[in-house]
Amino acid sequence: MNTDSPAPAASAHDTPPRLKPLFRLQWENVQNAYVLLYPEGMVKLNQSAAEILKRCDGTRSLDAVIAELETTFEAIGIGDEVRAFVAQARLRGWLE
């Protein structure tokens, strides 16, 4: 009898975050900010949200995004806030 159990499937939270194809992140001079564009409109982002979303390209794990942000901005202990933002962005349908 084989008692090996299959490996658990990766959850959405284990998948490197990336913008859904419907959305585009870009700098808007008129807004003087990064915005998230989608067919029905636009979301003006604060600097923190933009810096997080710029790194959500599907090539970095969430832990790698956090580590890069901590290094770039000389910030320690921002993991909980970044994870909370990414969770909200997923709930809003921005990230896959």
Protein backbone atom coordinates (compact mmCIF):
# COMPACT_ATOMS: atom_id res chain seq x y z
CA MET A 1 0.00 0.00 0.00
CA ASN A 2 1.34 3.44 -0.95
CA THR A 3 1.06 5.85 1.96
CA ASP A 4 2.62 8.78 0.14
CA SER A 5 0.17 11.63 -0.04
CA PRO A 6 0.26 14.02 -2.96
CA ALA A 7 1.94 17.35 -2.46
CA PRO A 8 -0.54 20.10 -1.64
CA ALA A 9 -1.44 22.35 -4.53
CA ALA A 10 0.09 25.81 -4.41
CA SER A 11 -2.37 28.38 -3.14
CA ALA A 12 -2.88 31.72 -4.83
CA HIS A 13 -0.85 33.25 -2.03
CA ASP A 14 2.19 31.11 -2.94
CA THR A 15 2.09 32.25 -6.56
CA PRO A 16 4.28 35.25 -7.36
CA PRO A 17 1.90 38.20 -7.58
CA ARG A 18 1.35 39.85 -10.95
CA LEU A 19 -1.08 42.35 -12.37
CA LYS A 20 -4.01 40.83 -14.19
CA PRO A 21 -3.84 41.49 -17.95
CA LEU A 22 -6.84 43.82 -17.70
CA PHE A 23 -4.78 46.34 -15.70
CA ARG A 24 -1.84 48.56 -16.62
CA LEU A 25 0.39 50.45 -14.20
CA GLN A 26 1.79 53.70 -15.52
CA TRP A 27 3.02 57.13 -14.47
CA GLU A 28 0.57 59.95 -15.19
CA ASN A 29 2.09 63.43 -15.30
CA VAL A 30 -1.30 65.09 -14.88
CA GLN A 31 -1.92 63.11 -11.68
CA ASN A 32 1.72 63.40 -10.60
CA ALA A 33 1.43 59.78 -9.53
CA TYR A 34 1.34 56.21 -10.71
CA VAL A 35 -2.11 55.04 -11.71
CA LEU A 36 -3.65 51.66 -12.33
CA LEU A 37 -5.59 51.81 -15.59
CA TYR A 38 -8.39 49.45 -16.56
CA PRO A 39 -11.20 49.64 -19.14
CA GLU A 40 -13.74 51.20 -16.77
CA GLY A 41 -11.45 53.75 -15.20
CA MET A 42 -8.35 54.51 -13.22
CA VAL A 43 -7.08 54.23 -9.66
CA LYS A 44 -4.60 56.84 -8.45
CA LEU A 45 -2.00 55.11 -6.28
CA ASN A 46 0.01 56.45 -3.40
CA GLN A 47 3.77 55.96 -3.55
CA SER A 48 3.78 52.83 -1.38
CA ALA A 49 1.09 51.09 -3.43
CA ALA A 50 2.89 51.97 -6.67
CA GLU A 51 6.22 50.65 -5.40
CA ILE A 52 4.61 47.37 -4.40
CA LEU A 53 2.68 46.95 -7.66
CA LYS A 54 5.74 47.82 -9.78
CA ARG A 55 7.36 44.71 -8.34
CA CYS A 56 4.32 42.45 -8.82
CA ASP A 57 5.38 41.19 -12.24
CA GLY A 58 5.07 37.45 -11.65
CA THR A 59 8.85 36.93 -11.43
CA ARG A 60 9.28 37.56 -7.69
CA SER A 61 7.72 35.76 -4.76
CA LEU A 62 5.93 37.97 -2.25
CA ASP A 63 8.83 37.44 0.16
CA ALA A 64 11.24 38.63 -2.55
CA VAL A 65 9.09 41.73 -3.17
CA ILE A 66 9.17 42.51 0.56
CA ALA A 67 12.93 41.97 0.77
CA GLU A 68 13.52 44.24 -2.23
CA LEU A 69 11.32 46.98 -0.75
CA GLU A 70 13.08 46.73 2.60
CA THR A 71 16.48 47.04 0.91
CA THR A 72 15.50 49.81 -1.49
CA PHE A 73 13.82 51.97 1.13
CA GLU A 74 15.94 50.95 4.12
CA ALA A 75 12.79 49.83 5.91
CA ILE A 76 12.54 46.91 8.30
CA GLY A 77 9.43 45.03 9.33
CA ILE A 78 7.12 46.09 6.50
CA GLY A 79 6.14 42.54 5.58
CA ASP A 80 2.75 42.58 7.29
CA GLU A 81 1.73 45.83 5.59
CA VAL A 82 2.89 44.62 2.17
CA ARG A 83 1.09 41.29 2.61
CA ALA A 84 -2.10 43.13 3.67
CA PHE A 85 -1.90 45.40 0.61
CA VAL A 86 -1.32 42.47 -1.75
CA ALA A 87 -4.25 40.60 -0.17
CA GLN A 88 -6.50 43.63 -0.75
CA ALA A 89 -5.21 44.03 -4.31
CA ARG A 90 -6.09 40.38 -4.97
CA LEU A 91 -9.57 40.89 -3.48
CA ARG A 92 -10.08 43.92 -5.74
CA GLY A 93 -9.09 41.78 -8.70
CA TRP A 94 -5.91 43.72 -9.54
CA LEU A 95 -3.53 40.79 -9.00
CA GLU A 96 -3.52 37.15 -9.93
